[in-house]
Amino acid sequence: MAYSCRWTLTLLASVTALRQSTRRDIGALTAGALLVPARAVAALPSADRVPLFVITTADGSTPLFTDADGTRASFFAERRDAEAKLKSLKGAGDAVVMSLPLSEALDLKKQPASELGGEFTLSARKGERDDASAIAGAQADPDDLPLFFDPRLAAPSGEVYLFLKKGDVDKSWAKAVGGKPSAKTGYPAYQTTSVRALEGGKQGGPKFIIVSSEKF
């Protein structure tokens, strides 16, 4: 069972269009699918270019609280997880999966649950949380998105790449060394942080770019 959020996205004065991701992943645009504009998240300079996915009503105007008691809605890091959740719902009608920037998802998480009728949570794939826990030696927060990196993987301008998927670190490393890693080329030295850790970080720290292989 899915429950509608008491607050509808279309009632907000300043809005940014969401983009629809149907079950068949045709990526059709939906007119009138609206969210609050992203406020500047100083610690997350690339967050407006990173897609997350949420289940909404067919027109994209209202998010659905999809947990058992109808009080939480998830922002999924991967489209396939949002699609799987949608398919598992009973009574969801014409609900769809919509994409939105990470920056907007973080803004929505800051809104009082009492005003929205529930709360929004971040949802990473379990395998990514497990990888992050193993690297950090501490349990990953289920309401957070782990980020993986190797400081040697950086843009020409110096920003370190932070990946939402550990596998994307491997792909980027293989590209950097020109093929399959070996003892000669070296292997990735995995490190991890998280979206919420960066959001609460202080100014003046290392510069970085969050990278996602998911598409809007």
N, C-alpha and C. Protein backbone atom coordinates (compact mmCIF):
# COMPACT_ATOMS: atom_id res chain seq x y z
N MET A 1 0.85 -1.19 0.00
CA MET A 1 0.00 0.00 0.00
C MET A 1 0.88 1.24 0.00
N ALA A 2 0.50 2.22 -0.79
CA ALA A 2 1.24 3.48 -0.84
C ALA A 2 0.33 4.61 -0.38
N TYR A 3 0.87 5.56 0.31
CA TYR A 3 0.12 6.68 0.85
C TYR A 3 0.62 7.98 0.26
N SER A 4 -0.32 8.86 -0.08
CA SER A 4 0.07 10.15 -0.66
C SER A 4 0.58 11.08 0.42
N CYS A 5 1.57 11.84 0.05
CA CYS A 5 2.09 12.88 0.93
C CYS A 5 1.04 13.99 1.06
N ARG A 6 0.80 14.50 2.27
CA ARG A 6 -0.19 15.56 2.44
C ARG A 6 0.22 16.83 1.71
N TRP A 7 1.50 17.02 1.60
CA TRP A 7 2.02 18.17 0.85
C TRP A 7 2.23 17.76 -0.59
N THR A 8 1.68 18.52 -1.53
CA THR A 8 1.88 18.21 -2.94
C THR A 8 2.90 19.15 -3.53
N LEU A 9 3.72 18.62 -4.39
CA LEU A 9 4.84 19.38 -4.92
C LEU A 9 4.40 20.57 -5.75
N THR A 10 3.21 20.49 -6.36
CA THR A 10 2.76 21.56 -7.25
C THR A 10 2.30 22.79 -6.49
N LEU A 11 2.14 22.72 -5.18
CA LEU A 11 1.66 23.87 -4.44
C LEU A 11 2.75 24.87 -4.14
N LEU A 12 3.99 24.52 -4.38
CA LEU A 12 5.10 25.41 -4.07
C LEU A 12 5.25 26.47 -5.15
N ALA A 13 5.61 27.68 -4.75
CA ALA A 13 5.66 28.78 -5.70
C ALA A 13 6.80 28.65 -6.69
N SER A 14 7.99 28.32 -6.22
CA SER A 14 9.16 28.21 -7.10
C SER A 14 9.43 26.75 -7.34
N VAL A 15 9.53 26.36 -8.60
CA VAL A 15 9.57 24.94 -8.91
C VAL A 15 10.59 24.63 -9.98
N THR A 16 10.98 23.36 -10.01
CA THR A 16 11.87 22.84 -11.03
C THR A 16 11.26 21.55 -11.55
N ALA A 17 11.28 21.34 -12.86
CA ALA A 17 10.63 20.16 -13.43
C ALA A 17 11.38 18.89 -13.10
N LEU A 18 10.61 17.88 -12.69
CA LEU A 18 11.12 16.52 -12.55
C LEU A 18 11.03 15.83 -13.90
N ARG A 19 11.75 14.75 -14.04
CA ARG A 19 11.64 13.96 -15.26
C ARG A 19 11.19 12.56 -14.93
N GLN A 20 10.29 12.04 -15.74
CA GLN A 20 9.69 10.75 -15.47
C GLN A 20 10.56 9.61 -15.96
N SER A 21 10.61 8.56 -15.17
CA SER A 21 11.27 7.32 -15.56
C SER A 21 10.24 6.22 -15.44
N THR A 22 9.65 5.80 -16.54
CA THR A 22 8.61 4.80 -16.48
C THR A 22 9.19 3.44 -16.21
N ARG A 23 8.30 2.44 -15.99
CA ARG A 23 8.77 1.09 -15.71
C ARG A 23 9.58 0.55 -16.87
N ARG A 24 9.31 1.02 -18.06
CA ARG A 24 10.06 0.58 -19.23
C ARG A 24 11.25 1.50 -19.52
N ASP A 25 11.45 2.47 -18.64
CA ASP A 25 12.62 3.34 -18.74
C ASP A 25 12.69 4.08 -20.07
N ILE A 26 11.56 4.70 -20.45
CA ILE A 26 11.57 5.44 -21.71
C ILE A 26 11.96 6.90 -21.49
N GLY A 27 12.02 7.31 -20.23
CA GLY A 27 12.52 8.65 -19.91
C GLY A 27 11.66 9.78 -20.45
N ALA A 28 10.35 9.60 -20.54
CA ALA A 28 9.49 10.64 -21.08
C ALA A 28 9.38 11.81 -20.10
N LEU A 29 9.32 13.01 -20.62
CA LEU A 29 9.17 14.18 -19.77
C LEU A 29 7.72 14.31 -19.34
N THR A 30 7.51 14.78 -18.12
CA THR A 30 6.17 14.95 -17.59
C THR A 30 5.94 16.41 -17.26
N ALA A 31 5.05 17.06 -17.99
CA ALA A 31 4.73 18.45 -17.70
C ALA A 31 4.00 18.52 -16.36
N GLY A 32 4.31 19.53 -15.58
CA GLY A 32 3.63 19.72 -14.32
C GLY A 32 4.19 18.90 -13.19
N ALA A 33 5.26 18.15 -13.39
CA ALA A 33 5.89 17.39 -12.32
C ALA A 33 6.90 18.31 -11.65
N LEU A 34 6.63 18.71 -10.42
CA LEU A 34 7.34 19.85 -9.87
C LEU A 34 7.95 19.57 -8.50
N LEU A 35 9.08 20.19 -8.26
CA LEU A 35 9.73 20.15 -6.96
C LEU A 35 10.31 21.52 -6.63
N VAL A 36 10.59 21.73 -5.35
CA VAL A 36 11.22 22.99 -4.95
C VAL A 36 12.58 23.09 -5.59
N PRO A 37 13.03 24.30 -5.93
CA PRO A 37 14.36 24.46 -6.51
C PRO A 37 15.43 24.16 -5.48
N ALA A 38 16.56 23.69 -5.95
CA ALA A 38 17.65 23.36 -5.03
C ALA A 38 18.26 24.63 -4.46
N ARG A 39 18.36 24.69 -3.15
CA ARG A 39 19.14 25.75 -2.53
C ARG A 39 20.60 25.35 -2.63
N ALA A 40 21.48 26.31 -2.53
CA ALA A 40 22.91 26.02 -2.64
C ALA A 40 23.34 25.13 -1.48
N VAL A 41 23.87 23.97 -1.79
CA VAL A 41 24.43 23.08 -0.78
C VAL A 41 25.93 23.21 -0.91
N ALA A 42 26.53 24.03 -0.07
CA ALA A 42 27.92 24.43 -0.25
C ALA A 42 28.87 23.24 -0.28
N ALA A 43 28.56 22.22 0.51
CA ALA A 43 29.47 21.08 0.59
C ALA A 43 29.25 20.08 -0.53
N LEU A 44 28.24 20.29 -1.33
CA LEU A 44 27.90 19.35 -2.39
C LEU A 44 27.80 20.09 -3.72
N PRO A 45 28.90 20.57 -4.27
CA PRO A 45 28.85 21.42 -5.46
C PRO A 45 28.33 20.73 -6.71
N SER A 46 28.40 19.40 -6.76
CA SER A 46 27.93 18.70 -7.96
C SER A 46 26.61 18.00 -7.74
N ALA A 47 25.93 18.27 -6.62
CA ALA A 47 24.73 17.53 -6.26
C ALA A 47 23.57 17.76 -7.21
N ASP A 48 23.57 18.89 -7.93
CA ASP A 48 22.48 19.15 -8.86
C ASP A 48 22.60 18.32 -10.13
N ARG A 49 23.73 17.63 -10.31
CA ARG A 49 23.93 16.81 -11.51
C ARG A 49 23.85 15.32 -11.22
N VAL A 50 23.47 14.97 -9.99
CA VAL A 50 23.39 13.56 -9.58
C VAL A 50 21.93 13.17 -9.42
N PRO A 51 21.42 12.19 -10.18
CA PRO A 51 20.01 11.83 -10.09
C PRO A 51 19.72 10.86 -8.94
N LEU A 52 18.59 11.09 -8.28
CA LEU A 52 17.99 10.11 -7.38
C LEU A 52 16.59 9.82 -7.89
N PHE A 53 15.92 8.83 -7.30
CA PHE A 53 14.65 8.37 -7.84
C PHE A 53 13.63 8.19 -6.71
N VAL A 54 12.40 8.66 -6.97
CA VAL A 54 11.34 8.60 -5.97
C VAL A 54 10.05 8.17 -6.65
N ILE A 55 9.19 7.47 -5.92
CA ILE A 55 7.90 7.03 -6.45
C ILE A 55 6.86 8.11 -6.19
N THR A 56 6.13 8.48 -7.23
CA THR A 56 5.13 9.55 -7.12
C THR A 56 3.83 9.12 -7.81
N THR A 57 2.82 9.99 -7.67
CA THR A 57 1.60 9.81 -8.44
C THR A 57 1.91 9.96 -9.93
N ALA A 58 0.95 9.57 -10.77
CA ALA A 58 1.20 9.51 -12.22
C ALA A 58 1.66 10.84 -12.80
N ASP A 59 1.15 11.95 -12.28
CA ASP A 59 1.53 13.25 -12.84
C ASP A 59 2.80 13.81 -12.20
N GLY A 60 3.37 13.08 -11.27
CA GLY A 60 4.61 13.51 -10.64
C GLY A 60 4.44 14.58 -9.59
N SER A 61 3.21 14.95 -9.26
CA SER A 61 3.00 16.08 -8.35
C SER A 61 3.03 15.71 -6.88
N THR A 62 2.88 14.42 -6.57
CA THR A 62 2.77 14.01 -5.17
C THR A 62 3.61 12.77 -4.90
N PRO A 63 4.58 12.84 -4.00
CA PRO A 63 5.35 11.65 -3.66
C PRO A 63 4.51 10.69 -2.84
N LEU A 64 4.84 9.42 -2.91
CA LEU A 64 4.12 8.40 -2.17
C LEU A 64 4.99 7.86 -1.04
N PHE A 65 4.41 7.81 0.15
CA PHE A 65 5.08 7.16 1.27
C PHE A 65 4.81 5.66 1.16
N THR A 66 5.84 4.92 0.91
CA THR A 66 5.67 3.53 0.47
C THR A 66 6.07 2.49 1.51
N ASP A 67 6.44 2.90 2.73
CA ASP A 67 6.74 1.89 3.73
C ASP A 67 5.44 1.34 4.30
N ALA A 68 5.53 0.35 5.16
CA ALA A 68 4.34 -0.37 5.62
C ALA A 68 3.33 0.52 6.34
N ASP A 69 3.81 1.49 7.12
CA ASP A 69 2.87 2.34 7.85
C ASP A 69 2.61 3.68 7.19
N GLY A 70 3.12 3.86 5.98
CA GLY A 70 2.83 5.06 5.21
C GLY A 70 3.41 6.33 5.76
N THR A 71 4.60 6.26 6.35
CA THR A 71 5.20 7.46 6.93
C THR A 71 6.55 7.82 6.31
N ARG A 72 7.07 7.00 5.41
CA ARG A 72 8.38 7.27 4.83
C ARG A 72 8.37 7.07 3.32
N ALA A 73 9.07 7.96 2.64
CA ALA A 73 9.30 7.84 1.20
C ALA A 73 10.80 7.78 0.97
N SER A 74 11.23 6.97 0.03
CA SER A 74 12.65 6.77 -0.20
C SER A 74 13.13 7.48 -1.45
N PHE A 75 14.30 8.09 -1.35
CA PHE A 75 15.04 8.56 -2.51
C PHE A 75 16.09 7.49 -2.81
N PHE A 76 15.89 6.78 -3.91
CA PHE A 76 16.76 5.67 -4.26
C PHE A 76 17.95 6.15 -5.08
N ALA A 77 19.12 5.59 -4.79
CA ALA A 77 20.32 5.94 -5.56
C ALA A 77 20.32 5.29 -6.93
N GLU A 78 19.60 4.16 -7.06
CA GLU A 78 19.57 3.43 -8.33
C GLU A 78 18.13 3.27 -8.81
N ARG A 79 17.94 3.53 -10.08
CA ARG A 79 16.61 3.45 -10.68
C ARG A 79 16.01 2.06 -10.53
N ARG A 80 16.82 1.01 -10.69
CA ARG A 80 16.28 -0.34 -10.64
C ARG A 80 15.69 -0.66 -9.27
N ASP A 81 16.22 -0.06 -8.20
CA ASP A 81 15.66 -0.30 -6.88
C ASP A 81 14.32 0.40 -6.73
N ALA A 82 14.19 1.60 -7.27
CA ALA A 82 12.91 2.29 -7.24
C ALA A 82 11.87 1.55 -8.07
N GLU A 83 12.29 1.03 -9.23
CA GLU A 83 11.37 0.27 -10.09
C GLU A 83 10.91 -1.00 -9.38
N ALA A 84 11.84 -1.68 -8.70
CA ALA A 84 11.49 -2.91 -7.99
C ALA A 84 10.51 -2.62 -6.86
N LYS A 85 10.74 -1.52 -6.14
CA LYS A 85 9.83 -1.14 -5.07
C LYS A 85 8.45 -0.84 -5.62
N LEU A 86 8.38 -0.12 -6.72
CA LEU A 86 7.10 0.22 -7.33
C LEU A 86 6.34 -1.04 -7.73
N LYS A 87 7.03 -1.99 -8.32
CA LYS A 87 6.38 -3.22 -8.76
C LYS A 87 5.86 -4.04 -7.58
N SER A 88 6.48 -3.87 -6.42
CA SER A 88 6.06 -4.65 -5.25
C SER A 88 4.86 -4.05 -4.53
N LEU A 89 4.51 -2.81 -4.86
CA LEU A 89 3.43 -2.13 -4.16
C LEU A 89 2.07 -2.62 -4.61
N LYS A 90 1.15 -2.71 -3.66
CA LYS A 90 -0.23 -3.05 -3.97
C LYS A 90 -1.07 -1.78 -3.81
N GLY A 91 -1.94 -1.56 -4.75
CA GLY A 91 -2.80 -0.39 -4.67
C GLY A 91 -2.12 0.91 -5.03
N ALA A 92 -1.00 0.82 -5.76
CA ALA A 92 -0.29 2.04 -6.14
C ALA A 92 -0.88 2.70 -7.37
N GLY A 93 -1.82 2.03 -8.04
CA GLY A 93 -2.46 2.62 -9.21
C GLY A 93 -1.48 2.93 -10.32
N ASP A 94 -1.52 4.18 -10.79
CA ASP A 94 -0.66 4.61 -11.90
C ASP A 94 0.62 5.29 -11.41
N ALA A 95 1.06 4.93 -10.23
CA ALA A 95 2.29 5.53 -9.69
C ALA A 95 3.46 5.28 -10.63
N VAL A 96 4.40 6.20 -10.63
CA VAL A 96 5.57 6.11 -11.50
C VAL A 96 6.83 6.44 -10.70
N VAL A 97 7.96 6.17 -11.31
CA VAL A 97 9.25 6.55 -10.74
C VAL A 97 9.71 7.84 -11.41
N MET A 98 10.06 8.82 -10.59
CA MET A 98 10.53 10.10 -11.11
C MET A 98 11.97 10.33 -10.68
N SER A 99 12.72 11.03 -11.50
CA SER A 99 14.09 11.39 -11.13
C SER A 99 14.14 12.85 -10.68
N LEU A 100 15.07 13.14 -9.79
CA LEU A 100 15.29 14.50 -9.32
C LEU A 100 16.74 14.63 -8.88
N PRO A 101 17.29 15.83 -8.86
CA PRO A 101 18.68 16.00 -8.45
C PRO A 101 18.87 15.71 -6.96
N LEU A 102 20.03 15.20 -6.63
CA LEU A 102 20.38 14.96 -5.24
C LEU A 102 20.21 16.21 -4.40
N SER A 103 20.56 17.36 -4.95
CA SER A 103 20.45 18.62 -4.19
C SER A 103 19.01 18.87 -3.75
N GLU A 104 18.04 18.57 -4.62
CA GLU A 104 16.64 18.78 -4.26
C GLU A 104 16.18 17.75 -3.24
N ALA A 105 16.66 16.52 -3.37
CA ALA A 105 16.31 15.49 -2.39
C ALA A 105 16.78 15.90 -0.99
N LEU A 106 17.97 16.47 -0.91
CA LEU A 106 18.49 16.91 0.39
C LEU A 106 17.67 18.05 0.96
N ASP A 107 17.20 18.94 0.09
CA ASP A 107 16.33 20.01 0.55
C ASP A 107 15.03 19.45 1.12
N LEU A 108 14.46 18.46 0.44
CA LEU A 108 13.20 17.88 0.90
C LEU A 108 13.38 17.18 2.24
N LYS A 109 14.53 16.55 2.44
CA LYS A 109 14.77 15.88 3.72
C LYS A 109 14.80 16.87 4.89
N LYS A 110 15.08 18.12 4.61
CA LYS A 110 15.14 19.12 5.67
C LYS A 110 13.76 19.63 6.07
N GLN A 111 12.75 19.37 5.26
CA GLN A 111 11.41 19.85 5.57
C GLN A 111 10.84 19.07 6.75
N PRO A 112 10.11 19.72 7.66
CA PRO A 112 9.55 19.03 8.83
C PRO A 112 8.58 17.92 8.42
N ALA A 113 8.74 16.75 9.01
CA ALA A 113 7.86 15.62 8.72
C ALA A 113 6.42 15.95 9.08
N SER A 114 6.23 16.79 10.09
CA SER A 114 4.88 17.16 10.51
C SER A 114 4.14 17.92 9.43
N GLU A 115 4.87 18.65 8.59
CA GLU A 115 4.24 19.40 7.51
C GLU A 115 4.01 18.53 6.28
N LEU A 116 4.86 17.54 6.09
CA LEU A 116 4.77 16.71 4.89
C LEU A 116 3.90 15.49 5.08
N GLY A 117 3.63 15.13 6.34
CA GLY A 117 2.87 13.91 6.60
C GLY A 117 3.75 12.69 6.68
N GLY A 118 5.04 12.88 6.67
CA GLY A 118 5.99 11.77 6.74
C GLY A 118 7.38 12.29 6.47
N GLU A 119 8.34 11.37 6.40
CA GLU A 119 9.73 11.78 6.19
C GLU A 119 10.31 11.13 4.95
N PHE A 120 11.36 11.76 4.42
CA PHE A 120 12.08 11.23 3.27
C PHE A 120 13.41 10.65 3.73
N THR A 121 13.76 9.50 3.19
CA THR A 121 15.02 8.85 3.54
C THR A 121 15.83 8.59 2.28
N LEU A 122 17.14 8.49 2.46
CA LEU A 122 18.04 8.12 1.37
C LEU A 122 18.22 6.62 1.36
N SER A 123 18.21 6.01 0.19
CA SER A 123 18.27 4.56 0.10
C SER A 123 19.33 4.12 -0.90
N ALA A 124 20.43 3.59 -0.38
CA ALA A 124 21.47 3.01 -1.23
C ALA A 124 21.24 1.52 -1.36
N ARG A 125 21.77 0.93 -2.41
CA ARG A 125 21.69 -0.51 -2.58
C ARG A 125 22.45 -1.19 -1.43
N LYS A 126 21.91 -2.31 -0.95
CA LYS A 126 22.51 -2.98 0.20
C LYS A 126 23.98 -3.34 -0.07
N GLY A 127 24.28 -3.78 -1.27
CA GLY A 127 25.66 -4.14 -1.59
C GLY A 127 26.61 -2.97 -1.45
N GLU A 128 26.14 -1.77 -1.79
CA GLU A 128 26.99 -0.58 -1.65
C GLU A 128 27.20 -0.25 -0.17
N ARG A 129 26.15 -0.37 0.63
CA ARG A 129 26.31 -0.13 2.07
C ARG A 129 27.28 -1.13 2.69
N ASP A 130 27.16 -2.39 2.27
CA ASP A 130 28.05 -3.42 2.80
C ASP A 130 29.50 -3.14 2.42
N ASP A 131 29.72 -2.72 1.17
CA ASP A 131 31.08 -2.38 0.74
C ASP A 131 31.63 -1.21 1.55
N ALA A 132 30.80 -0.20 1.74
CA ALA A 132 31.24 0.97 2.51
C ALA A 132 31.56 0.59 3.95
N SER A 133 30.74 -0.28 4.53
CA SER A 133 30.98 -0.72 5.91
C SER A 133 32.31 -1.47 6.01
N ALA A 134 32.58 -2.32 5.02
CA ALA A 134 33.82 -3.09 5.03
C ALA A 134 35.05 -2.19 4.89
N ILE A 135 34.95 -1.19 4.03
CA ILE A 135 36.08 -0.28 3.82
C ILE A 135 36.33 0.59 5.05
N ALA A 136 35.24 1.10 5.62
CA ALA A 136 35.37 2.03 6.75
C ALA A 136 35.57 1.33 8.08
N GLY A 137 35.23 0.05 8.14
CA GLY A 137 35.31 -0.66 9.41
C GLY A 137 34.24 -0.22 10.38
N ALA A 138 33.13 0.29 9.87
CA ALA A 138 32.02 0.75 10.69
C ALA A 138 30.74 0.60 9.89
N GLN A 139 29.63 0.39 10.58
CA GLN A 139 28.37 0.16 9.91
C GLN A 139 27.89 1.41 9.19
N ALA A 140 27.54 1.27 7.92
CA ALA A 140 27.03 2.40 7.15
C ALA A 140 25.62 2.76 7.60
N ASP A 141 25.32 4.03 7.62
CA ASP A 141 24.00 4.53 8.00
C ASP A 141 23.00 4.14 6.91
N PRO A 142 21.88 3.46 7.28
CA PRO A 142 20.90 3.09 6.26
C PRO A 142 20.20 4.29 5.63
N ASP A 143 20.19 5.44 6.33
CA ASP A 143 19.59 6.66 5.78
C ASP A 143 20.69 7.59 5.28
N ASP A 144 21.48 7.09 4.36
CA ASP A 144 22.60 7.84 3.80
C ASP A 144 23.03 7.17 2.50
N LEU A 145 23.83 7.87 1.74
CA LEU A 145 24.37 7.31 0.50
C LEU A 145 25.89 7.27 0.60
N PRO A 146 26.49 6.08 0.65
CA PRO A 146 27.95 6.00 0.70
C PRO A 146 28.57 6.49 -0.59
N LEU A 147 29.77 7.05 -0.48
CA LEU A 147 30.53 7.52 -1.62
C LEU A 147 31.92 6.89 -1.57
N PHE A 148 32.37 6.38 -2.71
CA PHE A 148 33.65 5.67 -2.78
C PHE A 148 34.64 6.49 -3.60
N PHE A 149 35.92 6.42 -3.21
CA PHE A 149 36.91 7.18 -3.97
C PHE A 149 38.31 6.64 -3.74
N ASP A 150 39.19 7.02 -4.64
CA ASP A 150 40.63 6.88 -4.51
C ASP A 150 41.18 8.26 -4.82
N PRO A 151 41.92 8.90 -3.92
CA PRO A 151 42.38 10.28 -4.15
C PRO A 151 43.15 10.46 -5.44
N ARG A 152 43.67 9.36 -6.00
CA ARG A 152 44.42 9.48 -7.25
C ARG A 152 43.51 9.65 -8.46
N LEU A 153 42.22 9.35 -8.30
CA LEU A 153 41.26 9.54 -9.39
C LEU A 153 40.66 10.94 -9.24
N ALA A 154 41.18 11.86 -10.02
CA ALA A 154 40.78 13.26 -9.88
C ALA A 154 40.69 13.92 -11.24
N ALA A 155 39.92 14.99 -11.31
CA ALA A 155 39.80 15.78 -12.53
C ALA A 155 41.09 16.54 -12.77
N PRO A 156 41.35 16.97 -14.03
CA PRO A 156 42.56 17.76 -14.31
C PRO A 156 42.67 19.01 -13.45
N SER A 157 41.53 19.55 -13.04
CA SER A 157 41.54 20.75 -12.20
C SER A 157 41.73 20.43 -10.72
N GLY A 158 41.83 19.13 -10.39
CA GLY A 158 42.17 18.76 -9.03
C GLY A 158 41.05 18.18 -8.18
N GLU A 159 39.80 18.30 -8.62
CA GLU A 159 38.70 17.77 -7.81
C GLU A 159 38.75 16.24 -7.80
N VAL A 160 38.61 15.66 -6.63
CA VAL A 160 38.59 14.21 -6.48
C VAL A 160 37.20 13.69 -6.85
N TYR A 161 37.15 12.61 -7.61
CA TYR A 161 35.88 12.00 -7.99
C TYR A 161 35.36 11.13 -6.85
N LEU A 162 34.10 11.32 -6.48
CA LEU A 162 33.41 10.50 -5.49
C LEU A 162 32.32 9.73 -6.21
N PHE A 163 32.31 8.42 -6.07
CA PHE A 163 31.40 7.56 -6.82
C PHE A 163 30.33 6.97 -5.91
N LEU A 164 29.10 6.92 -6.42
CA LEU A 164 28.01 6.30 -5.67
C LEU A 164 28.08 4.78 -5.72
N LYS A 165 28.87 4.24 -6.62
CA LYS A 165 29.01 2.79 -6.74
C LYS A 165 30.49 2.42 -6.69
N LYS A 166 30.81 1.45 -5.86
CA LYS A 166 32.20 1.00 -5.77
C LYS A 166 32.68 0.48 -7.12
N GLY A 167 31.79 -0.17 -7.87
CA GLY A 167 32.16 -0.69 -9.18
C GLY A 167 32.58 0.39 -10.15
N ASP A 168 32.06 1.61 -9.96
CA ASP A 168 32.44 2.71 -10.84
C ASP A 168 33.85 3.21 -10.53
N VAL A 169 34.31 3.02 -9.30
CA VAL A 169 35.72 3.30 -9.00
C VAL A 169 36.60 2.36 -9.81
N ASP A 170 36.22 1.09 -9.84
CA ASP A 170 36.99 0.09 -10.59
C ASP A 170 37.04 0.44 -12.07
N LYS A 171 35.90 0.84 -12.63
CA LYS A 171 35.86 1.19 -14.05
C LYS A 171 36.72 2.41 -14.34
N SER A 172 36.64 3.40 -13.47
CA SER A 172 37.43 4.61 -13.67
C SER A 172 38.92 4.31 -13.54
N TRP A 173 39.28 3.45 -12.60
CA TRP A 173 40.68 3.08 -12.42
C TRP A 173 41.20 2.34 -13.65
N ALA A 174 40.40 1.38 -14.15
CA ALA A 174 40.81 0.62 -15.34
C ALA A 174 41.02 1.55 -16.53
N LYS A 175 40.16 2.54 -16.66
CA LYS A 175 40.31 3.51 -17.75
C LYS A 175 41.58 4.33 -17.55
N ALA A 176 41.86 4.69 -16.31
CA ALA A 176 43.03 5.53 -16.04
C ALA A 176 44.34 4.80 -16.32
N VAL A 177 44.38 3.48 -16.03
CA VAL A 177 45.62 2.72 -16.22
C VAL A 177 45.67 2.04 -17.58
N GLY A 178 44.60 2.22 -18.37
CA GLY A 178 44.60 1.69 -19.73
C GLY A 178 44.30 0.21 -19.85
N GLY A 179 43.54 -0.32 -18.92
CA GLY A 179 43.17 -1.73 -19.01
C GLY A 179 42.97 -2.36 -17.65
N LYS A 180 42.98 -3.67 -17.62
CA LYS A 180 42.75 -4.39 -16.38
C LYS A 180 43.89 -4.12 -15.39
N PRO A 181 43.55 -3.77 -14.15
CA PRO A 181 44.59 -3.50 -13.16
C PRO A 181 45.48 -4.72 -12.91
N SER A 182 46.72 -4.45 -12.60
CA SER A 182 47.69 -5.52 -12.33
C SER A 182 48.67 -5.02 -11.27
N ALA A 183 49.58 -5.90 -10.88
CA ALA A 183 50.60 -5.49 -9.91
C ALA A 183 51.44 -4.35 -10.47
N LYS A 184 51.60 -4.32 -11.78
CA LYS A 184 52.40 -3.27 -12.41
C LYS A 184 51.69 -1.93 -12.37
N THR A 185 50.39 -1.94 -12.68
CA THR A 185 49.64 -0.69 -12.72
C THR A 185 49.15 -0.27 -11.34
N GLY A 186 49.05 -1.23 -10.44
CA GLY A 186 48.49 -0.95 -9.13
C GLY A 186 46.98 -1.13 -9.12
N TYR A 187 46.41 -1.10 -7.93
CA TYR A 187 44.98 -1.31 -7.76
C TYR A 187 44.38 -0.12 -7.01
N PRO A 188 43.05 0.04 -7.12
CA PRO A 188 42.43 1.15 -6.38
C PRO A 188 42.66 1.01 -4.88
N ALA A 189 42.92 2.13 -4.23
CA ALA A 189 43.02 2.18 -2.77
C ALA A 189 41.72 2.81 -2.27
N TYR A 190 40.73 1.96 -2.02
CA TYR A 190 39.39 2.45 -1.73
C TYR A 190 39.33 3.23 -0.42
N GLN A 191 38.64 4.35 -0.49
CA GLN A 191 38.26 5.10 0.70
C GLN A 191 36.78 5.41 0.58
N THR A 192 36.17 5.78 1.67
CA THR A 192 34.74 6.05 1.62
C THR A 192 34.36 7.23 2.50
N THR A 193 33.33 7.94 2.05
CA THR A 193 32.67 8.96 2.85
C THR A 193 31.18 8.80 2.56
N SER A 194 30.39 9.81 2.77
CA SER A 194 28.96 9.69 2.49
C SER A 194 28.37 11.06 2.18
N VAL A 195 27.19 11.04 1.58
CA VAL A 195 26.53 12.30 1.23
C VAL A 195 26.25 13.13 2.47
N ARG A 196 25.73 12.52 3.51
CA ARG A 196 25.38 13.29 4.70
C ARG A 196 26.62 13.79 5.44
N ALA A 197 27.69 13.03 5.38
CA ALA A 197 28.94 13.50 5.99
C ALA A 197 29.44 14.74 5.27
N LEU A 198 29.34 14.74 3.95
CA LEU A 198 29.78 15.90 3.18
C LEU A 198 28.86 17.09 3.37
N GLU A 199 27.57 16.80 3.47
CA GLU A 199 26.60 17.88 3.65
C GLU A 199 26.87 18.65 4.94
N GLY A 200 27.33 17.95 5.96
CA GLY A 200 27.61 18.60 7.22
C GLY A 200 29.05 19.04 7.37
N GLY A 201 29.83 18.94 6.29
CA GLY A 201 31.24 19.29 6.36
C GLY A 201 31.48 20.78 6.40
N LYS A 202 32.68 21.15 6.78
CA LYS A 202 33.05 22.56 6.87
C LYS A 202 33.58 23.06 5.53
N GLN A 203 33.50 24.34 5.35
CA GLN A 203 34.05 24.97 4.15
C GLN A 203 35.58 24.86 4.15
N GLY A 204 36.17 24.89 2.97
CA GLY A 204 37.61 24.90 2.87
C GLY A 204 38.25 23.54 2.78
N GLY A 205 37.45 22.49 2.73
CA GLY A 205 38.00 21.15 2.62
C GLY A 205 38.37 20.83 1.18
N PRO A 206 38.78 19.58 0.93
CA PRO A 206 39.14 19.17 -0.43
C PRO A 206 37.98 19.36 -1.40
N LYS A 207 38.30 19.69 -2.63
CA LYS A 207 37.26 19.83 -3.64
C LYS A 207 37.01 18.47 -4.30
N PHE A 208 35.80 18.27 -4.74
CA PHE A 208 35.45 16.97 -5.30
C PHE A 208 34.29 17.10 -6.27
N ILE A 209 34.03 16.03 -6.99
CA ILE A 209 32.89 15.93 -7.90
C ILE A 209 32.21 14.60 -7.64
N ILE A 210 30.92 14.64 -7.31
CA ILE A 210 30.16 13.41 -7.13
C ILE A 210 29.79 12.87 -8.50
N VAL A 211 30.01 11.58 -8.69
CA VAL A 211 29.78 10.94 -9.98
C VAL A 211 28.77 9.81 -9.83
N SER A 212 27.78 9.78 -10.71
CA SER A 212 26.82 8.68 -10.75
C SER A 212 26.69 8.18 -12.18
N SER A 213 26.66 6.87 -12.34
CA SER A 213 26.45 6.29 -13.66
C SER A 213 24.97 6.19 -14.00
N GLU A 214 24.09 6.58 -13.06
CA GLU A 214 22.66 6.62 -13.33
C GLU A 214 22.35 7.85 -14.18
N LYS A 215 21.24 7.78 -14.91
CA LYS A 215 20.83 8.88 -15.79
C LYS A 215 19.48 9.43 -15.35
N PHE A 216 19.28 10.74 -15.57
CA PHE A 216 17.99 11.36 -15.29
C PHE A 216 16.93 10.79 -16.22
